[in-house]
PDB file of N, CA and C in Angstrom:
ATOM      1  N   UNK A   1       0.939  -1.106  -0.130  1.00  0.00           N
ATOM      2  CA  UNK A   1      -0.003   0.104  -0.036  1.00  0.00           C
ATOM      3  C   UNK A   1       0.935   1.046  -0.056  1.00  0.00           C
ATOM      4  N   UNK A   2       0.618   2.071  -0.797  1.00  0.00           N
ATOM      5  CA  UNK A   2       1.314   3.534  -0.966  1.00  0.00           C
ATOM      6  C   UNK A   2       0.720   4.255  -0.309  1.00  0.00           C
ATOM      7  N   UNK A   3       1.411   5.370   0.479  1.00  0.00           N
ATOM      8  CA  UNK A   3       1.048   6.623   1.239  1.00  0.00           C
ATOM      9  C   UNK A   3       1.261   7.557   0.552  1.00  0.00           C
ATOM     10  N   UNK A   4       0.414   8.567   0.589  1.00  0.00           N
ATOM     11  CA  UNK A   4       0.581   9.938   0.345  1.00  0.00           C
ATOM     12  C   UNK A   4       1.216  10.987   1.259  1.00  0.00           C
ATOM     13  N   UNK A   5       2.492  11.481   1.216  1.00  0.00           N
ATOM     14  CA  UNK A   5       3.075  12.233   1.936  1.00  0.00           C
ATOM     15  C   UNK A   5       3.457  13.600   1.414  1.00  0.00           C
ATOM     16  N   UNK A   6       2.875  14.689   1.517  1.00  0.00           N
ATOM     17  CA  UNK A   6       3.191  16.282   1.142  1.00  0.00           C
ATOM     18  C   UNK A   6       3.189  16.021  -0.373  1.00  0.00           C
ATOM     19  N   UNK A   7       2.251  15.284  -1.048  1.00  0.00           N
ATOM     20  CA  UNK A   7       2.124  15.633  -2.735  1.00  0.00           C
ATOM     21  C   UNK A   7       2.824  14.422  -3.433  1.00  0.00           C
ATOM     22  N   UNK A   8       3.730  13.803  -2.416  1.00  0.00           N
ATOM     23  CA  UNK A   8       4.567  12.626  -3.039  1.00  0.00           C
ATOM     24  C   UNK A   8       3.943  11.103  -2.562  1.00  0.00           C
ATOM     25  N   UNK A   9       4.199  10.322  -3.503  1.00  0.00           N
ATOM     26  CA  UNK A   9       3.777   8.793  -2.880  1.00  0.00           C
ATOM     27  C   UNK A   9       4.802   7.819  -2.382  1.00  0.00           C
ATOM     28  N   UNK A  10       4.662   7.576  -1.102  1.00  0.00           N
ATOM     29  CA  UNK A  10       5.767   6.991  -0.564  1.00  0.00           C
ATOM     30  C   UNK A  10       5.270   5.507  -0.270  1.00  0.00           C
ATOM     31  N   UNK A  11       6.375   4.527  -0.446  1.00  0.00           N
ATOM     32  CA  UNK A  11       5.935   3.188  -0.071  1.00  0.00           C
ATOM     33  C   UNK A  11       6.185   3.084   1.498  1.00  0.00           C
ATOM     34  N   UNK A  12       5.528   2.305   2.046  1.00  0.00           N
ATOM     35  CA  UNK A  12       5.610   2.120   3.516  1.00  0.00           C
ATOM     36  C   UNK A  12       6.894   1.423   3.966  1.00  0.00           C
ATOM     37  N   UNK A  13       7.635   1.557   4.932  1.00  0.00           N
ATOM     38  CA  UNK A  13       8.846   1.109   5.311  1.00  0.00           C
ATOM     39  C   UNK A  13       8.983  -0.165   5.125  1.00  0.00           C
ATOM     40  N   UNK A  14       7.783  -0.776   5.574  1.00  0.00           N
ATOM     41  CA  UNK A  14       7.834  -2.427   5.436  1.00  0.00           C
ATOM     42  C   UNK A  14       8.435  -2.985   3.947  1.00  0.00           C
ATOM     43  N   UNK A  15       7.920  -2.183   3.052  1.00  0.00           N
ATOM     44  CA  UNK A  15       8.494  -2.507   1.803  1.00  0.00           C
ATOM     45  C   UNK A  15       9.751  -2.496   1.469  1.00  0.00           C
ATOM     46  N   UNK A  16      10.723  -1.878   2.400  1.00  0.00           N
ATOM     47  CA  UNK A  16      12.469  -1.737   2.092  1.00  0.00           C
ATOM     48  C   UNK A  16      12.775  -3.009   3.163  1.00  0.00           C
ATOM     49  N   UNK A  17      13.231  -3.922   2.597  1.00  0.00           N
ATOM     50  CA  UNK A  17      13.601  -5.285   3.050  1.00  0.00           C
ATOM     51  C   UNK A  17      14.583  -5.157   3.991  1.00  0.00           C
ATOM     52  N   UNK A  18      15.015  -5.850   4.991  1.00  0.00           N
ATOM     53  CA  UNK A  18      15.681  -5.877   6.074  1.00  0.00           C
ATOM     54  C   UNK A  18      17.220  -6.312   5.364  1.00  0.00           C
ATOM     55  N   UNK A  19      18.162  -5.751   5.719  1.00  0.00           N
ATOM     56  CA  UNK A  19      19.587  -6.368   5.383  1.00  0.00           C
ATOM     57  C   UNK A  19      20.062  -7.657   5.835  1.00  0.00           C
ATOM     58  N   UNK A  20      19.189  -8.122   6.908  1.00  0.00           N
ATOM     59  CA  UNK A  20      19.679  -9.354   7.868  1.00  0.00           C
ATOM     60  C   UNK A  20      19.555 -10.399   7.170  1.00  0.00           C
ATOM     61  N   UNK A  21      20.781 -11.161   7.444  1.00  0.00           N
ATOM     62  CA  UNK A  21      20.950 -12.593   6.710  1.00  0.00           C
ATOM     63  C   UNK A  21      21.087 -13.598   7.541  1.00  0.00           C
ATOM     64  N   UNK A  22      20.771 -13.175   8.892  1.00  0.00           N
ATOM     65  CA  UNK A  22      20.855 -14.250  10.071  1.00  0.00           C
ATOM     66  C   UNK A  22      22.230 -14.727  10.489  1.00  0.00           C
ATOM     67  N   UNK A  23      23.235 -13.839  10.318  1.00  0.00           N
ATOM     68  CA  UNK A  23      24.189 -13.899  10.760  1.00  0.00           C
ATOM     69  C   UNK A  23      24.646 -12.662  11.870  1.00  0.00           C
ATOM     70  N   UNK A  24      24.059 -12.743  13.072  1.00  0.00           N
ATOM     71  CA  UNK A  24      23.780 -11.767  13.953  1.00  0.00           C
ATOM     72  C   UNK A  24      24.853 -11.863  14.791  1.00  0.00           C
ATOM     73  N   UNK A  25      26.077 -11.354  14.556  1.00  0.00           N
ATOM     74  CA  UNK A  25      27.078 -11.085  15.504  1.00  0.00           C
ATOM     75  C   UNK A  25      28.143  -9.886  15.354  1.00  0.00           C
ATOM     76  N   UNK A  26      28.207  -8.970  16.261  1.00  0.00           N
ATOM     77  CA  UNK A  26      28.900  -7.727  16.077  1.00  0.00           C
ATOM     78  C   UNK A  26      30.459  -8.111  16.225  1.00  0.00           C
ATOM     79  N   UNK A  27      31.162  -7.345  15.386  1.00  0.00           N
ATOM     80  CA  UNK A  27      32.547  -7.475  15.449  1.00  0.00           C
ATOM     81  C   UNK A  27      32.957  -6.495  16.607  1.00  0.00           C
ATOM     82  N   UNK A  28      33.658  -7.021  17.395  1.00  0.00           N
ATOM     83  CA  UNK A  28      34.229  -6.163  18.664  1.00  0.00           C
ATOM     84  C   UNK A  28      35.162  -4.933  18.415  1.00  0.00           C
ATOM     85  N   UNK A  29      35.884  -5.002  17.441  1.00  0.00           N
ATOM     86  CA  UNK A  29      36.734  -3.826  16.847  1.00  0.00           C
ATOM     87  C   UNK A  29      35.889  -2.987  15.888  1.00  0.00           C
ATOM     88  N   UNK A  30      35.078  -3.066  15.156  1.00  0.00           N
ATOM     89  CA  UNK A  30      34.477  -1.988  14.274  1.00  0.00           C
ATOM     90  C   UNK A  30      33.051  -1.990  14.911  1.00  0.00           C
ATOM     91  N   UNK A  31      32.166  -3.040  15.503  1.00  0.00           N
ATOM     92  CA  UNK A  31      31.186  -2.452  16.079  1.00  0.00           C
ATOM     93  C   UNK A  31      29.896  -3.045  15.083  1.00  0.00           C
ATOM     94  N   UNK A  32      30.585  -3.218  13.967  1.00  0.00           N
ATOM     95  CA  UNK A  32      29.526  -3.729  12.757  1.00  0.00           C
ATOM     96  C   UNK A  32      29.059  -5.001  12.647  1.00  0.00           C
ATOM     97  N   UNK A  33      27.972  -5.438  12.393  1.00  0.00           N
ATOM     98  CA  UNK A  33      27.574  -6.843  12.143  1.00  0.00           C
ATOM     99  C   UNK A  33      28.043  -7.422  11.162  1.00  0.00           C
ATOM    100  N   UNK A  34      28.818  -8.765  11.442  1.00  0.00           N
ATOM    101  CA  UNK A  34      29.567  -9.677  10.411  1.00  0.00           C
ATOM    102  C   UNK A  34      28.569  -9.968   9.389  1.00  0.00           C
ATOM    103  N   UNK A  35      27.420 -10.036   9.596  1.00  0.00           N
ATOM    104  CA  UNK A  35      26.240 -10.552   8.545  1.00  0.00           C
ATOM    105  C   UNK A  35      25.914  -9.183   7.619  1.00  0.00           C
ATOM    106  N   UNK A  36      25.228  -8.343   8.211  1.00  0.00           N
ATOM    107  CA  UNK A  36      24.766  -7.384   7.463  1.00  0.00           C
ATOM    108  C   UNK A  36      25.379  -5.862   7.423  1.00  0.00           C
ATOM    109  N   UNK A  37      26.488  -5.754   8.139  1.00  0.00           N
ATOM    110  CA  UNK A  37      27.261  -4.734   8.228  1.00  0.00           C
ATOM    111  C   UNK A  37      26.790  -3.429   8.712  1.00  0.00           C
ATOM    112  N   UNK A  38      25.602  -3.526   9.461  1.00  0.00           N
ATOM    113  CA  UNK A  38      25.138  -2.708  10.078  1.00  0.00           C
ATOM    114  C   UNK A  38      25.766  -2.368  11.485  1.00  0.00           C
ATOM    115  N   UNK A  39      25.749  -1.011  12.124  1.00  0.00           N
ATOM    116  CA  UNK A  39      26.177  -1.058  13.505  1.00  0.00           C
ATOM    117  C   UNK A  39      24.925  -1.288  14.673  1.00  0.00           C
ATOM    118  N   UNK A  40      25.104  -1.172  15.817  1.00  0.00           N
ATOM    119  CA  UNK A  40      24.088  -1.361  16.812  1.00  0.00           C
ATOM    120  C   UNK A  40      23.230  -0.548  16.829  1.00  0.00           C
ATOM    121  N   UNK A  41      23.459   0.550  16.481  1.00  0.00           N
ATOM    122  CA  UNK A  41      22.458   1.746  16.287  1.00  0.00           C
ATOM    123  C   UNK A  41      21.467   1.590  15.367  1.00  0.00           C
ATOM    124  N   UNK A  42      22.013   1.286  14.203  1.00  0.00           N
ATOM    125  CA  UNK A  42      21.397   0.954  12.952  1.00  0.00           C
ATOM    126  C   UNK A  42      20.258  -0.225  13.023  1.00  0.00           C
ATOM    127  N   UNK A  43      20.859  -1.415  13.498  1.00  0.00           N
ATOM    128  CA  UNK A  43      20.154  -2.412  13.929  1.00  0.00           C
ATOM    129  C   UNK A  43      18.987  -2.301  15.003  1.00  0.00           C
ATOM    130  N   UNK A  44      19.181  -1.215  16.020  1.00  0.00           N
ATOM    131  CA  UNK A  44      18.066  -0.986  16.744  1.00  0.00           C
ATOM    132  C   UNK A  44      17.158   0.037  16.512  1.00  0.00           C
ATOM    133  N   UNK A  45      17.302   0.556  15.513  1.00  0.00           N
ATOM    134  CA  UNK A  45      16.484   1.562  14.720  1.00  0.00           C
ATOM    135  C   UNK A  45      15.731   1.027  13.448  1.00  0.00           C
ATOM    136  N   UNK A  46      15.974  -0.068  13.186  1.00  0.00           N
ATOM    137  CA  UNK A  46      15.409  -0.544  12.007  1.00  0.00           C
ATOM    138  C   UNK A  46      13.936  -1.086  12.085  1.00  0.00           C
ATOM    139  N   UNK A  47      13.742  -1.503  13.227  1.00  0.00           N
ATOM    140  CA  UNK A  47      12.083  -1.956  13.368  1.00  0.00           C
ATOM    141  C   UNK A  47      11.247  -0.561  13.024  1.00  0.00           C
ATOM    142  N   UNK A  48      11.516   0.469  13.746  1.00  0.00           N
ATOM    143  CA  UNK A  48      10.689   1.790  13.691  1.00  0.00           C
ATOM    144  C   UNK A  48      11.103   2.630  12.652  1.00  0.00           C
ATOM    145  N   UNK A  49      12.230   2.613  11.877  1.00  0.00           N
ATOM    146  CA  UNK A  49      12.542   3.427  10.908  1.00  0.00           C
ATOM    147  C   UNK A  49      11.567   3.612   9.704  1.00  0.00           C
ATOM    148  N   UNK A  50      11.496   4.963   9.250  1.00  0.00           N
ATOM    149  CA  UNK A  50      10.701   5.111   8.162  1.00  0.00           C
ATOM    150  C   UNK A  50      11.392   4.771   6.881  1.00  0.00           C
ATOM    151  N   UNK A  51      11.033   4.772   5.807  1.00  0.00           N
ATOM    152  CA  UNK A  51      11.483   4.328   4.639  1.00  0.00           C
ATOM    153  C   UNK A  51      12.694   5.265   4.304  1.00  0.00           C
ATOM    154  N   UNK A  52      12.871   6.667   4.319  1.00  0.00           N
ATOM    155  CA  UNK A  52      14.175   7.388   4.075  1.00  0.00           C
ATOM    156  C   UNK A  52      15.347   6.938   5.008  1.00  0.00           C
ATOM    157  N   UNK A  53      14.886   6.683   6.559  1.00  0.00           N
ATOM    158  CA  UNK A  53      16.133   6.200   7.481  1.00  0.00           C
ATOM    159  C   UNK A  53      16.427   4.821   6.682  1.00  0.00           C
ATOM    160  N   UNK A  54      15.631   3.793   6.477  1.00  0.00           N
ATOM    161  CA  UNK A  54      15.994   2.654   5.775  1.00  0.00           C
ATOM    162  C   UNK A  54      16.865   2.653   4.487  1.00  0.00           C
ATOM    163  N   UNK A  55      16.348   3.609   3.901  1.00  0.00           N
ATOM    164  CA  UNK A  55      17.401   3.725   2.571  1.00  0.00           C
ATOM    165  C   UNK A  55      18.602   4.286   2.763  1.00  0.00           C
ATOM    166  N   UNK A  56      18.501   5.043   3.853  1.00  0.00           N
ATOM    167  CA  UNK A  56      19.796   5.840   4.400  1.00  0.00           C
ATOM    168  C   UNK A  56      20.541   4.765   4.822  1.00  0.00           C
ATOM    169  N   UNK A  57      20.275   3.662   5.697  1.00  0.00           N
ATOM    170  CA  UNK A  57      21.252   2.604   6.182  1.00  0.00           C
ATOM    171  C   UNK A  57      21.442   1.982   5.373  1.00  0.00           C
ATOM    172  N   UNK A  58      20.970   1.438   4.154  1.00  0.00           N
ATOM    173  CA  UNK A  58      21.177   0.594   3.157  1.00  0.00           C
ATOM    174  C   UNK A  58      22.211   1.150   2.389  1.00  0.00           C
ATOM    175  N   UNK A  59      22.271   2.697   2.201  1.00  0.00           N
ATOM    176  CA  UNK A  59      23.225   3.253   1.464  1.00  0.00           C
ATOM    177  C   UNK A  59      24.469   3.133   2.300  1.00  0.00           C
ATOM    178  N   UNK A  60      24.556   3.051   3.647  1.00  0.00           N
ATOM    179  CA  UNK A  60      25.567   3.354   4.253  1.00  0.00           C
ATOM    180  C   UNK A  60      26.443   1.642   4.148  1.00  0.00           C
ATOM    181  N   UNK A  61      25.390   0.647   4.200  1.00  0.00           N
ATOM    182  CA  UNK A  61      25.957  -0.701   3.805  1.00  0.00           C
ATOM    183  C   UNK A  61      26.628  -0.826   2.762  1.00  0.00           C
ATOM    184  N   UNK A  62      26.007  -0.117   1.678  1.00  0.00           N
ATOM    185  CA  UNK A  62      26.613  -0.401   0.393  1.00  0.00           C
ATOM    186  C   UNK A  62      27.939   0.193   0.328  1.00  0.00           C
ATOM    187  N   UNK A  63      28.104   1.407   1.017  1.00  0.00           N
ATOM    188  CA  UNK A  63      29.455   2.148   0.963  1.00  0.00           C
ATOM    189  C   UNK A  63      30.350   1.170   1.700  1.00  0.00           C
ATOM    190  N   UNK A  64      29.988   0.477   2.824  1.00  0.00           N
ATOM    191  CA  UNK A  64      30.945  -0.200   3.648  1.00  0.00           C
ATOM    192  C   UNK A  64      31.288  -1.344   2.753  1.00  0.00           C
ATOM    193  N   UNK A  65      30.488  -1.929   1.912  1.00  0.00           N
ATOM    194  CA  UNK A  65      30.822  -3.095   1.042  1.00  0.00           C
ATOM    195  C   UNK A  65      31.867  -2.630  -0.092  1.00  0.00           C
ATOM    196  N   UNK A  66      31.368  -1.334  -0.723  1.00  0.00           N
ATOM    197  CA  UNK A  66      32.273  -0.887  -1.674  1.00  0.00           C
ATOM    198  C   UNK A  66      33.595  -0.439  -1.136  1.00  0.00           C
ATOM    199  N   UNK A  67      33.912  -0.129   0.136  1.00  0.00           N
ATOM    200  CA  UNK A  67      35.064  -0.010   0.824  1.00  0.00           C
ATOM    201  C   UNK A  67      35.908  -1.363   1.068  1.00  0.00           C
ATOM    202  N   UNK A  68      35.154  -2.669   0.831  1.00  0.00           N
ATOM    203  CA  UNK A  68      35.757  -3.660   0.928  1.00  0.00           C
ATOM    204  C   UNK A  68      35.597  -4.468   2.205  1.00  0.00           C
ATOM    205  N   UNK A  69      34.562  -4.079   2.826  1.00  0.00           N
ATOM    206  CA  UNK A  69      34.209  -4.381   4.218  1.00  0.00           C
ATOM    207  C   UNK A  69      33.081  -5.558   4.100  1.00  0.00           C
ATOM    208  N   UNK A  70      32.985  -6.716   4.776  1.00  0.00           N
ATOM    209  CA  UNK A  70      32.103  -7.559   4.752  1.00  0.00           C
ATOM    210  C   UNK A  70      32.762  -9.229   5.075  1.00  0.00           C
ATOM    211  N   UNK A  71      32.112 -10.117   4.544  1.00  0.00           N
ATOM    212  CA  UNK A  71      32.332 -11.398   5.167  1.00  0.00           C
ATOM    213  C   UNK A  71      33.895 -12.005   4.480  1.00  0.00           C
ATOM    214  N   UNK A  72      34.230 -11.531   3.603  1.00  0.00           N
ATOM    215  CA  UNK A  72      35.582 -11.838   2.794  1.00  0.00           C
ATOM    216  C   UNK A  72      36.729 -11.047   3.362  1.00  0.00           C
ATOM    217  N   UNK A  73      36.395  -9.669   4.391  1.00  0.00           N
ATOM    218  CA  UNK A  73      37.296  -8.837   4.465  1.00  0.00           C
ATOM    219  C   UNK A  73      37.398  -9.048   6.337  1.00  0.00           C
ATOM    220  N   UNK A  74      38.486  -8.702   6.962  1.00  0.00           N
ATOM    221  CA  UNK A  74      38.448  -8.595   8.186  1.00  0.00           C
ATOM    222  C   UNK A  74      37.981  -7.258   8.427  1.00  0.00           C
ATOM    223  N   UNK A  75      36.988  -6.646   9.233  1.00  0.00           N
ATOM    224  CA  UNK A  75      36.555  -5.415   9.666  1.00  0.00           C
ATOM    225  C   UNK A  75      37.475  -4.535  10.744  1.00  0.00           C
ATOM    226  N   UNK A  76      37.985  -3.347  10.010  1.00  0.00           N
ATOM    227  CA  UNK A  76      38.631  -2.333  10.778  1.00  0.00           C
ATOM    228  C   UNK A  76      38.335  -2.014  11.867  1.00  0.00           C
ATOM    229  N   UNK A  77      39.035  -1.714  12.916  1.00  0.00           N
ATOM    230  CA  UNK A  77      38.723  -1.109  14.077  1.00  0.00           C
ATOM    231  C   UNK A  77      37.972   0.156  13.912  1.00  0.00           C
ATOM    232  N   UNK A  78      36.981   0.418  14.754  1.00  0.00           N
ATOM    233  CA  UNK A  78      36.020   1.575  14.808  1.00  0.00           C
ATOM    234  C   UNK A  78      37.063   3.197  14.688  1.00  0.00           C
ATOM    235  N   UNK A  79      38.197   2.981  15.185  1.00  0.00           N
ATOM    236  CA  UNK A  79      38.930   4.190  15.369  1.00  0.00           C
ATOM    237  C   UNK A  79      39.754   4.294  14.068  1.00  0.00           C
ATOM    238  N   UNK A  80      39.601   3.288  13.020  1.00  0.00           N
ATOM    239  CA  UNK A  80      40.321   3.184  11.668  1.00  0.00           C
ATOM    240  C   UNK A  80      39.343   3.769  10.879  1.00  0.00           C
ATOM    241  N   UNK A  81      38.241   3.829  11.107  1.00  0.00           N
ATOM    242  CA  UNK A  81      37.153   4.552  10.025  1.00  0.00           C
ATOM    243  C   UNK A  81      36.910   5.966  10.038  1.00  0.00           C
ATOM    244  N   UNK A  82      36.783   6.512   8.966  1.00  0.00           N
ATOM    245  CA  UNK A  82      36.742   7.974   9.068  1.00  0.00           C
ATOM    246  C   UNK A  82      35.510   8.390   9.525  1.00  0.00           C
TER     247      UNK A  82
END
């Protein structure tokens, strides 16, 4: 179901799929989940996040993957990230 917001049609937040892949373990150094590459705040916010916030989280995940983070790469310490 689409929702009209300020003249724009917006899809409901539930239409933006969770990036969770069921590998739910936070890396102690980076603070990122080893499965989905979200940090603890992003994981906690997901349930109540609107479409815009969910898409912003997905964009940050994409940037992390583009930077070489993920299952095939060790995650850097949080102090190593810009």
